[in-house]
Amino acid sequence: MAEHRSAAMAGKPVVTIKLASTSDELMQCFALRAAVFMGEQACPYWEEFDGNDYAASHIIMYVDGEPAGSMRLRWFQSFCKFERCVVLKRYRGLGVHHAINSWCKDFARRKGFTKVYLHLQKRHMAMMEKEGFRRVDERVFKFSDHEYYAVYCELPPAADAVCLSTEPMIMNRPEDGLDVEGILEKSAVRGATNPHAPHAARVTN
């Protein structure tokens, strides 16, 4: 799953989506969430930053090079949970939330997941139904001053999903760069020098 970059066409914005893989990109995700959830929706800090951030994958979206949206993904046995999806107010209306949803679905599929689950504010239900989501059951539950449904969608299995028979070195690559040779593959040119062994016992291929 590589970085996605849309083509600039007829004045449309360029949208770039990637896994947040540096501390700076992670801080951008946190800043976006603070602006939307804490700034716009008055969510208390301890409810927004809930202790799950370091057990999750974070996706960052740029519009014309500016941080514009983010999503948090958590991984469970049979599904990927979409969380904390935000788009800054000035970028809404461009349809860019569809782009980050689509990217995250493909990311989950490549990791072998065939279901996406999320907690959806009731006011967004009609929008997400268009993307294939439906309610898990009839429950309505509340947290952080909003009412929610539990919803999910099915994902078609990916032919190239990571599995036990995947080439071992592919498993070492960055998770959103599984199609690109990784740094550990480049290290193979050194052979197996067995640097942990006494010097006389080292073997160079």
N, C-alpha and C. Protein backbone atom coordinates (compact mmCIF):
# COMPACT_ATOMS: atom_id res chain seq x y z
N MET A 1 0.86 -1.18 0.00
CA MET A 1 0.00 0.00 0.00
C MET A 1 0.89 1.22 0.00
N ALA A 2 0.98 1.91 -1.10
CA ALA A 2 1.88 3.05 -1.22
C ALA A 2 1.13 4.34 -0.92
N GLU A 3 1.91 5.39 -0.76
CA GLU A 3 1.33 6.72 -0.58
C GLU A 3 0.44 7.03 -1.78
N HIS A 4 -0.72 7.59 -1.51
CA HIS A 4 -1.64 7.98 -2.56
C HIS A 4 -1.50 9.47 -2.82
N ARG A 5 -1.39 9.83 -4.09
CA ARG A 5 -1.36 11.24 -4.47
C ARG A 5 -2.27 11.42 -5.67
N SER A 6 -3.28 12.27 -5.54
CA SER A 6 -4.19 12.50 -6.65
C SER A 6 -3.53 13.43 -7.66
N ALA A 7 -3.95 13.32 -8.91
CA ALA A 7 -3.42 14.21 -9.95
C ALA A 7 -4.13 15.54 -9.90
N ALA A 8 -3.39 16.61 -10.16
CA ALA A 8 -3.99 17.93 -10.23
C ALA A 8 -4.74 18.05 -11.56
N MET A 9 -6.03 18.27 -11.51
CA MET A 9 -6.83 18.34 -12.72
C MET A 9 -7.78 19.52 -12.64
N ALA A 10 -7.73 20.38 -13.64
CA ALA A 10 -8.70 21.48 -13.78
C ALA A 10 -8.88 22.25 -12.48
N GLY A 11 -7.78 22.57 -11.83
CA GLY A 11 -7.85 23.37 -10.62
C GLY A 11 -8.24 22.62 -9.37
N LYS A 12 -8.46 21.29 -9.47
CA LYS A 12 -8.81 20.52 -8.28
C LYS A 12 -7.60 20.38 -7.37
N PRO A 13 -7.81 20.31 -6.07
CA PRO A 13 -6.67 20.20 -5.14
C PRO A 13 -5.97 18.86 -5.28
N VAL A 14 -4.68 18.85 -4.97
CA VAL A 14 -3.90 17.61 -4.94
C VAL A 14 -4.02 17.02 -3.54
N VAL A 15 -4.52 15.80 -3.46
CA VAL A 15 -4.71 15.13 -2.18
C VAL A 15 -3.65 14.04 -2.04
N THR A 16 -2.91 14.07 -0.94
CA THR A 16 -1.88 13.08 -0.65
C THR A 16 -2.23 12.41 0.68
N ILE A 17 -2.20 11.08 0.70
CA ILE A 17 -2.55 10.32 1.90
C ILE A 17 -1.46 9.31 2.17
N LYS A 18 -1.02 9.20 3.43
CA LYS A 18 0.04 8.27 3.78
C LYS A 18 -0.07 7.87 5.24
N LEU A 19 0.62 6.80 5.59
CA LEU A 19 0.77 6.42 6.98
C LEU A 19 1.64 7.45 7.68
N ALA A 20 1.22 7.95 8.82
CA ALA A 20 2.05 8.87 9.61
C ALA A 20 3.20 8.06 10.19
N SER A 21 4.41 8.29 9.67
CA SER A 21 5.55 7.44 10.04
C SER A 21 6.69 8.22 10.68
N THR A 22 6.49 9.49 10.94
CA THR A 22 7.48 10.29 11.65
C THR A 22 6.80 10.99 12.82
N SER A 23 7.60 11.46 13.77
CA SER A 23 7.01 12.15 14.91
C SER A 23 6.30 13.43 14.47
N ASP A 24 6.82 14.09 13.44
CA ASP A 24 6.19 15.31 12.94
C ASP A 24 4.82 15.00 12.34
N GLU A 25 4.74 13.93 11.55
CA GLU A 25 3.44 13.56 10.96
C GLU A 25 2.44 13.16 12.03
N LEU A 26 2.91 12.48 13.06
CA LEU A 26 2.02 12.10 14.16
C LEU A 26 1.51 13.34 14.89
N MET A 27 2.39 14.33 15.11
CA MET A 27 1.96 15.57 15.75
C MET A 27 0.93 16.31 14.89
N GLN A 28 1.07 16.22 13.57
CA GLN A 28 0.09 16.84 12.69
C GLN A 28 -1.28 16.19 12.86
N CYS A 29 -1.30 14.84 12.97
CA CYS A 29 -2.56 14.15 13.23
C CYS A 29 -3.19 14.63 14.53
N PHE A 30 -2.39 14.75 15.58
CA PHE A 30 -2.91 15.18 16.87
C PHE A 30 -3.43 16.62 16.79
N ALA A 31 -2.71 17.48 16.07
CA ALA A 31 -3.14 18.88 15.95
C ALA A 31 -4.46 18.99 15.20
N LEU A 32 -4.63 18.19 14.15
CA LEU A 32 -5.88 18.20 13.40
C LEU A 32 -7.03 17.76 14.28
N ARG A 33 -6.82 16.71 15.04
CA ARG A 33 -7.88 16.22 15.91
C ARG A 33 -8.22 17.24 17.00
N ALA A 34 -7.22 17.89 17.54
CA ALA A 34 -7.48 18.90 18.56
C ALA A 34 -8.30 20.05 17.98
N ALA A 35 -7.97 20.46 16.76
CA ALA A 35 -8.68 21.57 16.13
C ALA A 35 -10.16 21.23 15.93
N VAL A 36 -10.44 20.01 15.49
CA VAL A 36 -11.82 19.64 15.18
C VAL A 36 -12.58 19.21 16.43
N PHE A 37 -12.06 18.21 17.15
CA PHE A 37 -12.83 17.66 18.25
C PHE A 37 -12.83 18.57 19.48
N MET A 38 -11.67 19.11 19.82
CA MET A 38 -11.61 19.98 20.99
C MET A 38 -12.06 21.39 20.64
N GLY A 39 -11.60 21.91 19.49
CA GLY A 39 -11.93 23.27 19.12
C GLY A 39 -13.37 23.46 18.67
N GLU A 40 -13.83 22.59 17.76
CA GLU A 40 -15.17 22.75 17.21
C GLU A 40 -16.24 22.08 18.05
N GLN A 41 -15.94 20.89 18.58
CA GLN A 41 -16.96 20.11 19.26
C GLN A 41 -16.84 20.13 20.77
N ALA A 42 -15.87 20.91 21.29
CA ALA A 42 -15.71 21.09 22.73
C ALA A 42 -15.51 19.77 23.47
N CYS A 43 -14.82 18.82 22.84
CA CYS A 43 -14.53 17.55 23.49
C CYS A 43 -13.40 17.76 24.50
N PRO A 44 -13.55 17.30 25.73
CA PRO A 44 -12.46 17.45 26.71
C PRO A 44 -11.19 16.73 26.26
N TYR A 45 -10.04 17.27 26.63
CA TYR A 45 -8.76 16.71 26.21
C TYR A 45 -8.65 15.23 26.53
N TRP A 46 -8.99 14.83 27.76
CA TRP A 46 -8.76 13.45 28.18
C TRP A 46 -9.72 12.47 27.50
N GLU A 47 -10.79 12.99 26.93
CA GLU A 47 -11.68 12.12 26.16
C GLU A 47 -11.19 11.97 24.72
N GLU A 48 -10.62 13.03 24.18
CA GLU A 48 -10.09 12.94 22.82
C GLU A 48 -8.80 12.11 22.78
N PHE A 49 -7.88 12.38 23.67
CA PHE A 49 -6.62 11.64 23.72
C PHE A 49 -6.76 10.59 24.83
N ASP A 50 -7.30 9.46 24.41
CA ASP A 50 -7.92 8.49 25.32
C ASP A 50 -7.02 7.33 25.74
N GLY A 51 -5.73 7.37 25.40
CA GLY A 51 -4.83 6.30 25.79
C GLY A 51 -4.62 5.24 24.73
N ASN A 52 -5.29 5.37 23.58
CA ASN A 52 -5.17 4.38 22.52
C ASN A 52 -4.25 4.80 21.37
N ASP A 53 -3.68 5.99 21.45
CA ASP A 53 -2.92 6.49 20.30
C ASP A 53 -1.65 5.70 20.01
N TYR A 54 -1.03 5.14 21.03
CA TYR A 54 0.22 4.41 20.79
C TYR A 54 -0.01 2.92 20.57
N ALA A 55 -1.28 2.55 20.38
CA ALA A 55 -1.61 1.18 20.01
C ALA A 55 -2.34 1.18 18.67
N ALA A 56 -2.10 2.21 17.87
CA ALA A 56 -2.88 2.40 16.65
C ALA A 56 -1.99 2.84 15.49
N SER A 57 -2.55 2.75 14.29
CA SER A 57 -1.92 3.34 13.10
C SER A 57 -2.61 4.67 12.83
N HIS A 58 -1.84 5.66 12.42
CA HIS A 58 -2.38 6.99 12.14
C HIS A 58 -2.14 7.33 10.68
N ILE A 59 -3.19 7.81 10.04
CA ILE A 59 -3.14 8.16 8.63
C ILE A 59 -3.26 9.68 8.50
N ILE A 60 -2.40 10.28 7.69
CA ILE A 60 -2.41 11.72 7.50
C ILE A 60 -2.78 12.05 6.06
N MET A 61 -3.63 13.05 5.88
CA MET A 61 -4.04 13.49 4.55
C MET A 61 -3.64 14.95 4.35
N TYR A 62 -3.03 15.24 3.21
CA TYR A 62 -2.65 16.60 2.85
C TYR A 62 -3.48 17.05 1.65
N VAL A 63 -3.84 18.31 1.65
CA VAL A 63 -4.47 18.93 0.49
C VAL A 63 -3.57 20.06 0.05
N ASP A 64 -3.05 19.93 -1.16
CA ASP A 64 -2.09 20.90 -1.70
C ASP A 64 -0.92 21.11 -0.72
N GLY A 65 -0.48 20.02 -0.11
CA GLY A 65 0.68 20.06 0.76
C GLY A 65 0.42 20.45 2.20
N GLU A 66 -0.81 20.83 2.53
CA GLU A 66 -1.14 21.26 3.89
C GLU A 66 -1.86 20.14 4.64
N PRO A 67 -1.52 19.89 5.92
CA PRO A 67 -2.26 18.90 6.69
C PRO A 67 -3.74 19.26 6.73
N ALA A 68 -4.59 18.34 6.28
CA ALA A 68 -6.01 18.65 6.13
C ALA A 68 -6.92 17.67 6.83
N GLY A 69 -6.45 16.43 7.06
CA GLY A 69 -7.31 15.44 7.69
C GLY A 69 -6.50 14.27 8.21
N SER A 70 -7.12 13.48 9.05
CA SER A 70 -6.43 12.31 9.59
C SER A 70 -7.44 11.26 10.01
N MET A 71 -6.94 10.05 10.21
CA MET A 71 -7.75 8.92 10.67
C MET A 71 -6.87 8.07 11.59
N ARG A 72 -7.48 7.50 12.61
CA ARG A 72 -6.78 6.55 13.47
C ARG A 72 -7.38 5.17 13.22
N LEU A 73 -6.50 4.17 13.07
CA LEU A 73 -6.94 2.80 12.83
C LEU A 73 -6.46 1.91 13.98
N ARG A 74 -7.38 1.09 14.50
CA ARG A 74 -6.97 0.07 15.47
C ARG A 74 -7.38 -1.29 14.92
N TRP A 75 -6.58 -2.29 15.28
CA TRP A 75 -6.68 -3.60 14.67
C TRP A 75 -7.15 -4.64 15.68
N PHE A 76 -8.24 -5.32 15.34
CA PHE A 76 -8.80 -6.36 16.18
C PHE A 76 -8.75 -7.69 15.42
N GLN A 77 -9.19 -8.76 16.03
CA GLN A 77 -8.99 -10.08 15.44
C GLN A 77 -9.58 -10.20 14.04
N SER A 78 -10.78 -9.70 13.84
CA SER A 78 -11.44 -9.92 12.56
C SER A 78 -11.82 -8.64 11.84
N PHE A 79 -11.46 -7.48 12.38
CA PHE A 79 -11.85 -6.24 11.72
C PHE A 79 -10.88 -5.10 12.07
N CYS A 80 -10.91 -4.11 11.22
CA CYS A 80 -10.18 -2.85 11.47
C CYS A 80 -11.18 -1.82 11.95
N LYS A 81 -10.86 -1.11 13.02
CA LYS A 81 -11.75 -0.08 13.55
C LYS A 81 -11.25 1.30 13.12
N PHE A 82 -12.10 2.02 12.39
CA PHE A 82 -11.81 3.39 11.99
C PHE A 82 -12.20 4.32 13.14
N GLU A 83 -11.31 5.23 13.50
CA GLU A 83 -11.56 6.15 14.61
C GLU A 83 -11.01 7.53 14.31
N ARG A 84 -11.55 8.51 15.01
CA ARG A 84 -10.99 9.86 15.05
C ARG A 84 -10.75 10.43 13.65
N CYS A 85 -11.71 10.21 12.75
CA CYS A 85 -11.57 10.75 11.39
C CYS A 85 -11.95 12.23 11.41
N VAL A 86 -11.05 13.08 10.94
CA VAL A 86 -11.31 14.51 10.90
C VAL A 86 -10.87 15.10 9.56
N VAL A 87 -11.57 16.14 9.15
CA VAL A 87 -11.17 16.99 8.03
C VAL A 87 -11.33 18.43 8.50
N LEU A 88 -10.28 19.22 8.35
CA LEU A 88 -10.38 20.62 8.76
C LEU A 88 -11.52 21.31 8.03
N LYS A 89 -12.15 22.26 8.73
CA LYS A 89 -13.36 22.89 8.22
C LYS A 89 -13.19 23.47 6.83
N ARG A 90 -12.05 24.10 6.55
CA ARG A 90 -11.87 24.77 5.26
C ARG A 90 -11.73 23.80 4.09
N TYR A 91 -11.54 22.50 4.39
CA TYR A 91 -11.41 21.51 3.31
C TYR A 91 -12.67 20.67 3.14
N ARG A 92 -13.66 20.89 3.98
CA ARG A 92 -14.91 20.15 3.83
C ARG A 92 -15.66 20.67 2.60
N GLY A 93 -16.43 19.81 2.02
CA GLY A 93 -17.13 20.20 0.80
C GLY A 93 -16.36 19.85 -0.46
N LEU A 94 -15.10 19.43 -0.29
CA LEU A 94 -14.29 19.02 -1.43
C LEU A 94 -14.41 17.53 -1.71
N GLY A 95 -15.07 16.80 -0.81
CA GLY A 95 -15.19 15.36 -0.97
C GLY A 95 -13.96 14.58 -0.55
N VAL A 96 -13.02 15.24 0.15
CA VAL A 96 -11.76 14.57 0.47
C VAL A 96 -11.93 13.49 1.53
N HIS A 97 -13.04 13.53 2.30
CA HIS A 97 -13.24 12.47 3.29
C HIS A 97 -13.44 11.12 2.59
N HIS A 98 -13.98 11.13 1.38
CA HIS A 98 -14.12 9.88 0.63
C HIS A 98 -12.75 9.31 0.29
N ALA A 99 -11.80 10.19 0.01
CA ALA A 99 -10.45 9.74 -0.36
C ALA A 99 -9.76 9.06 0.81
N ILE A 100 -9.85 9.63 2.01
CA ILE A 100 -9.17 9.01 3.15
C ILE A 100 -9.88 7.73 3.56
N ASN A 101 -11.22 7.68 3.46
CA ASN A 101 -11.93 6.44 3.74
C ASN A 101 -11.49 5.33 2.79
N SER A 102 -11.41 5.66 1.50
CA SER A 102 -11.02 4.67 0.49
C SER A 102 -9.60 4.18 0.72
N TRP A 103 -8.68 5.11 1.03
CA TRP A 103 -7.28 4.73 1.27
C TRP A 103 -7.20 3.78 2.46
N CYS A 104 -7.92 4.10 3.53
CA CYS A 104 -7.86 3.27 4.73
C CYS A 104 -8.48 1.89 4.50
N LYS A 105 -9.52 1.83 3.70
CA LYS A 105 -10.11 0.53 3.36
C LYS A 105 -9.08 -0.33 2.61
N ASP A 106 -8.40 0.27 1.63
CA ASP A 106 -7.40 -0.48 0.87
C ASP A 106 -6.23 -0.90 1.76
N PHE A 107 -5.85 -0.04 2.69
CA PHE A 107 -4.77 -0.35 3.63
C PHE A 107 -5.15 -1.56 4.48
N ALA A 108 -6.40 -1.56 4.98
CA ALA A 108 -6.87 -2.69 5.79
C ALA A 108 -6.93 -3.97 4.96
N ARG A 109 -7.39 -3.86 3.71
CA ARG A 109 -7.48 -5.04 2.85
C ARG A 109 -6.09 -5.65 2.62
N ARG A 110 -5.09 -4.81 2.39
CA ARG A 110 -3.74 -5.32 2.15
C ARG A 110 -3.20 -6.04 3.39
N LYS A 111 -3.66 -5.65 4.54
CA LYS A 111 -3.24 -6.31 5.78
C LYS A 111 -4.08 -7.56 6.06
N GLY A 112 -5.03 -7.87 5.17
CA GLY A 112 -5.79 -9.10 5.30
C GLY A 112 -7.14 -8.97 5.97
N PHE A 113 -7.59 -7.75 6.25
CA PHE A 113 -8.87 -7.55 6.92
C PHE A 113 -9.99 -7.43 5.89
N THR A 114 -11.15 -7.98 6.22
CA THR A 114 -12.29 -7.94 5.31
C THR A 114 -13.51 -7.25 5.91
N LYS A 115 -13.33 -6.61 7.05
CA LYS A 115 -14.40 -5.83 7.65
C LYS A 115 -13.83 -4.55 8.27
N VAL A 116 -14.60 -3.48 8.16
CA VAL A 116 -14.31 -2.22 8.84
C VAL A 116 -15.46 -1.93 9.78
N TYR A 117 -15.13 -1.49 10.99
CA TYR A 117 -16.11 -1.18 12.02
C TYR A 117 -15.84 0.22 12.51
N LEU A 118 -16.89 0.97 12.83
CA LEU A 118 -16.67 2.29 13.42
C LEU A 118 -17.88 2.72 14.23
N HIS A 119 -17.65 3.68 15.11
CA HIS A 119 -18.71 4.31 15.88
C HIS A 119 -19.03 5.62 15.18
N LEU A 120 -20.25 5.74 14.71
CA LEU A 120 -20.64 6.83 13.82
C LEU A 120 -21.65 7.74 14.50
N GLN A 121 -21.37 9.03 14.50
CA GLN A 121 -22.36 9.98 14.99
C GLN A 121 -23.61 9.88 14.11
N LYS A 122 -24.77 9.88 14.74
CA LYS A 122 -26.02 9.65 14.01
C LYS A 122 -26.18 10.59 12.82
N ARG A 123 -25.70 11.82 12.93
CA ARG A 123 -25.90 12.81 11.87
C ARG A 123 -25.14 12.45 10.59
N HIS A 124 -24.16 11.53 10.68
CA HIS A 124 -23.38 11.16 9.51
C HIS A 124 -23.85 9.86 8.86
N MET A 125 -24.93 9.27 9.35
CA MET A 125 -25.32 7.94 8.89
C MET A 125 -25.63 7.93 7.40
N ALA A 126 -26.37 8.88 6.91
CA ALA A 126 -26.76 8.88 5.49
C ALA A 126 -25.53 8.95 4.59
N MET A 127 -24.55 9.74 4.98
CA MET A 127 -23.32 9.87 4.19
C MET A 127 -22.58 8.55 4.13
N MET A 128 -22.47 7.86 5.26
CA MET A 128 -21.68 6.64 5.29
C MET A 128 -22.42 5.46 4.69
N GLU A 129 -23.74 5.51 4.65
CA GLU A 129 -24.48 4.46 3.97
C GLU A 129 -24.12 4.42 2.49
N LYS A 130 -23.81 5.57 1.92
CA LYS A 130 -23.41 5.63 0.51
C LYS A 130 -22.07 4.94 0.27
N GLU A 131 -21.29 4.76 1.35
CA GLU A 131 -20.00 4.09 1.23
C GLU A 131 -20.09 2.61 1.62
N GLY A 132 -21.31 2.12 1.80
CA GLY A 132 -21.50 0.70 2.07
C GLY A 132 -21.61 0.32 3.52
N PHE A 133 -21.66 1.29 4.43
CA PHE A 133 -21.76 0.98 5.86
C PHE A 133 -23.22 0.74 6.25
N ARG A 134 -23.43 -0.16 7.19
CA ARG A 134 -24.75 -0.40 7.74
C ARG A 134 -24.61 -0.69 9.23
N ARG A 135 -25.72 -0.58 9.92
CA ARG A 135 -25.68 -0.71 11.37
C ARG A 135 -25.45 -2.16 11.80
N VAL A 136 -24.66 -2.32 12.85
CA VAL A 136 -24.43 -3.64 13.43
C VAL A 136 -25.72 -4.14 14.09
N ASP A 137 -26.40 -3.24 14.80
CA ASP A 137 -27.65 -3.56 15.48
C ASP A 137 -28.38 -2.26 15.74
N GLU A 138 -29.42 -2.30 16.54
CA GLU A 138 -30.27 -1.12 16.76
C GLU A 138 -29.83 -0.25 17.94
N ARG A 139 -28.75 -0.62 18.58
CA ARG A 139 -28.32 0.15 19.75
C ARG A 139 -27.92 1.58 19.39
N VAL A 140 -28.28 2.50 20.25
CA VAL A 140 -27.80 3.88 20.20
C VAL A 140 -27.06 4.11 21.51
N PHE A 141 -25.82 4.58 21.45
CA PHE A 141 -25.05 4.80 22.67
C PHE A 141 -24.42 6.18 22.64
N LYS A 142 -24.01 6.64 23.80
CA LYS A 142 -23.57 8.03 23.94
C LYS A 142 -22.18 8.09 24.57
N PHE A 143 -21.33 8.97 24.03
CA PHE A 143 -20.09 9.37 24.70
C PHE A 143 -19.66 10.71 24.14
N SER A 144 -18.92 11.44 24.93
CA SER A 144 -18.44 12.78 24.55
C SER A 144 -19.54 13.64 23.95
N ASP A 145 -20.74 13.55 24.54
CA ASP A 145 -21.85 14.45 24.23
C ASP A 145 -22.50 14.22 22.87
N HIS A 146 -22.27 13.07 22.25
CA HIS A 146 -22.91 12.75 20.97
C HIS A 146 -23.55 11.38 21.05
N GLU A 147 -24.53 11.15 20.18
CA GLU A 147 -25.15 9.84 20.04
C GLU A 147 -24.53 9.10 18.86
N TYR A 148 -24.35 7.79 19.03
CA TYR A 148 -23.63 7.00 18.04
C TYR A 148 -24.36 5.72 17.69
N TYR A 149 -24.07 5.24 16.47
CA TYR A 149 -24.39 3.88 16.06
C TYR A 149 -23.07 3.13 15.89
N ALA A 150 -23.12 1.81 16.08
CA ALA A 150 -22.03 0.94 15.65
C ALA A 150 -22.34 0.50 14.23
N VAL A 151 -21.43 0.77 13.29
CA VAL A 151 -21.66 0.42 11.89
C VAL A 151 -20.46 -0.34 11.34
N TYR A 152 -20.68 -1.02 10.24
CA TYR A 152 -19.59 -1.77 9.63
C TYR A 152 -19.82 -1.88 8.14
N CYS A 153 -18.77 -2.26 7.43
CA CYS A 153 -18.91 -2.60 6.02
C CYS A 153 -17.99 -3.77 5.70
N GLU A 154 -18.36 -4.50 4.68
CA GLU A 154 -17.56 -5.62 4.20
C GLU A 154 -16.53 -5.10 3.20
N LEU A 155 -15.34 -5.69 3.21
CA LEU A 155 -14.29 -5.36 2.25
C LEU A 155 -14.01 -6.59 1.39
N PRO A 156 -13.91 -6.42 0.09
CA PRO A 156 -13.53 -7.58 -0.74
C PRO A 156 -12.11 -8.01 -0.41
N PRO A 157 -11.86 -9.32 -0.28
CA PRO A 157 -10.49 -9.77 0.04
C PRO A 157 -9.50 -9.30 -1.02
N ALA A 158 -8.32 -8.93 -0.58
CA ALA A 158 -7.26 -8.49 -1.50
C ALA A 158 -6.43 -9.69 -1.92
N ALA A 159 -6.20 -9.82 -3.23
CA ALA A 159 -5.42 -10.95 -3.73
C ALA A 159 -3.99 -10.92 -3.20
N ASP A 160 -3.49 -9.71 -2.91
CA ASP A 160 -2.10 -9.58 -2.44
C ASP A 160 -2.03 -9.29 -0.94
N ALA A 161 -3.05 -9.69 -0.19
CA ALA A 161 -3.03 -9.46 1.26
C ALA A 161 -1.87 -10.22 1.90
N VAL A 162 -1.29 -9.62 2.91
CA VAL A 162 -0.19 -10.26 3.63
C VAL A 162 -0.71 -11.49 4.36
N CYS A 163 0.03 -12.60 4.26
CA CYS A 163 -0.35 -13.84 4.92
C CYS A 163 0.92 -14.61 5.27
N LEU A 164 0.77 -15.80 5.84
CA LEU A 164 1.93 -16.57 6.28
C LEU A 164 2.87 -16.94 5.13
N SER A 165 2.33 -17.08 3.92
CA SER A 165 3.17 -17.47 2.78
C SER A 165 3.76 -16.28 2.03
N THR A 166 3.47 -15.06 2.49
CA THR A 166 4.06 -13.88 1.87
C THR A 166 5.59 -13.95 1.97
N GLU A 167 6.28 -13.45 0.95
CA GLU A 167 7.74 -13.43 0.99
C GLU A 167 8.22 -12.79 2.29
N PRO A 168 9.12 -13.45 3.02
CA PRO A 168 9.51 -12.95 4.34
C PRO A 168 9.99 -11.50 4.34
N MET A 169 10.75 -11.09 3.34
CA MET A 169 11.30 -9.74 3.37
C MET A 169 10.24 -8.67 3.13
N ILE A 170 9.13 -9.06 2.48
CA ILE A 170 8.03 -8.10 2.33
C ILE A 170 7.48 -7.73 3.70
N MET A 171 7.48 -8.68 4.62
CA MET A 171 6.96 -8.43 5.96
C MET A 171 7.79 -7.41 6.73
N ASN A 172 9.02 -7.18 6.30
CA ASN A 172 9.90 -6.22 6.98
C ASN A 172 9.73 -4.79 6.46
N ARG A 173 9.00 -4.62 5.38
CA ARG A 173 8.87 -3.30 4.77
C ARG A 173 7.91 -2.41 5.57
N PRO A 174 8.03 -1.08 5.43
CA PRO A 174 7.03 -0.20 6.05
C PRO A 174 5.63 -0.58 5.59
N GLU A 175 4.66 -0.47 6.48
CA GLU A 175 3.34 -1.02 6.20
C GLU A 175 2.61 -0.36 5.04
N ASP A 176 2.92 0.89 4.74
CA ASP A 176 2.28 1.50 3.57
C ASP A 176 3.22 1.52 2.37
N GLY A 177 4.27 0.69 2.42
CA GLY A 177 5.21 0.59 1.30
C GLY A 177 5.55 -0.85 0.99
N LEU A 178 4.55 -1.72 1.02
CA LEU A 178 4.81 -3.14 0.85
C LEU A 178 5.25 -3.50 -0.57
N ASP A 179 5.05 -2.60 -1.52
CA ASP A 179 5.44 -2.87 -2.90
C ASP A 179 6.80 -2.26 -3.25
N VAL A 180 7.47 -1.68 -2.28
CA VAL A 180 8.74 -1.00 -2.51
C VAL A 180 9.84 -1.69 -1.70
N GLU A 181 10.98 -1.96 -2.33
CA GLU A 181 12.09 -2.60 -1.64
C GLU A 181 12.44 -1.83 -0.38
N GLY A 182 12.60 -2.58 0.73
CA GLY A 182 12.87 -1.94 2.01
C GLY A 182 14.35 -1.92 2.36
N ILE A 183 14.68 -1.20 3.42
CA ILE A 183 16.06 -1.02 3.83
C ILE A 183 16.71 -2.34 4.23
N LEU A 184 15.95 -3.26 4.81
CA LEU A 184 16.53 -4.53 5.22
C LEU A 184 16.86 -5.41 4.02
N GLU A 185 16.12 -5.27 2.93
CA GLU A 185 16.48 -6.00 1.72
C GLU A 185 17.79 -5.49 1.15
N LYS A 186 18.00 -4.20 1.24
CA LYS A 186 19.25 -3.62 0.75
C LYS A 186 20.43 -4.08 1.59
N SER A 187 20.15 -4.42 2.86
CA SER A 187 21.24 -4.87 3.73
C SER A 187 21.75 -6.26 3.34
N ALA A 188 20.99 -6.97 2.50
CA ALA A 188 21.36 -8.34 2.14
C ALA A 188 22.69 -8.41 1.38
N VAL A 189 23.09 -7.29 0.78
CA VAL A 189 24.36 -7.30 0.02
C VAL A 189 25.55 -7.57 0.94
N ARG A 190 25.38 -7.35 2.24
CA ARG A 190 26.48 -7.61 3.19
C ARG A 190 26.61 -9.09 3.51
N GLY A 191 25.63 -9.89 3.07
CA GLY A 191 25.66 -11.30 3.41
C GLY A 191 25.37 -11.53 4.87
N ALA A 192 25.64 -12.76 5.35
CA ALA A 192 25.45 -13.11 6.76
C ALA A 192 26.83 -13.18 7.42
N THR A 193 27.26 -12.07 7.98
CA THR A 193 28.60 -12.01 8.58
C THR A 193 28.62 -12.50 10.01
N ASN A 194 27.44 -12.80 10.57
CA ASN A 194 27.34 -13.32 11.94
C ASN A 194 28.12 -12.46 12.93
N PRO A 195 27.79 -11.17 13.02
CA PRO A 195 28.59 -10.27 13.87
C PRO A 195 28.52 -10.58 15.36
N HIS A 196 27.63 -11.46 15.79
CA HIS A 196 27.54 -11.81 17.20
C HIS A 196 28.57 -12.87 17.59
N ALA A 197 29.14 -13.54 16.58
CA ALA A 197 30.09 -14.62 16.85
C ALA A 197 31.50 -14.08 17.09
N PRO A 198 32.38 -14.84 17.77
CA PRO A 198 33.78 -14.41 17.89
C PRO A 198 34.35 -14.15 16.50
N HIS A 199 35.29 -13.22 16.43
CA HIS A 199 35.81 -12.77 15.13
C HIS A 199 36.29 -13.91 14.25
N ALA A 200 36.98 -14.85 14.82
CA ALA A 200 37.55 -15.94 14.01
C ALA A 200 36.48 -16.84 13.41
N ALA A 201 35.29 -16.86 14.02
CA ALA A 201 34.25 -17.76 13.56
C ALA A 201 33.30 -17.10 12.56
N ARG A 202 33.49 -15.80 12.29
CA ARG A 202 32.57 -15.12 11.39
C ARG A 202 32.72 -15.63 9.97
N VAL A 203 31.60 -15.70 9.29
CA VAL A 203 31.60 -16.19 7.92
C VAL A 203 31.03 -15.09 7.02
N THR A 204 31.69 -14.83 5.91
CA THR A 204 31.21 -13.85 4.95
C THR A 204 30.76 -14.57 3.71
N ASN A 205 29.55 -14.33 3.28
CA ASN A 205 29.04 -14.96 2.05
C ASN A 205 29.59 -14.23 0.82
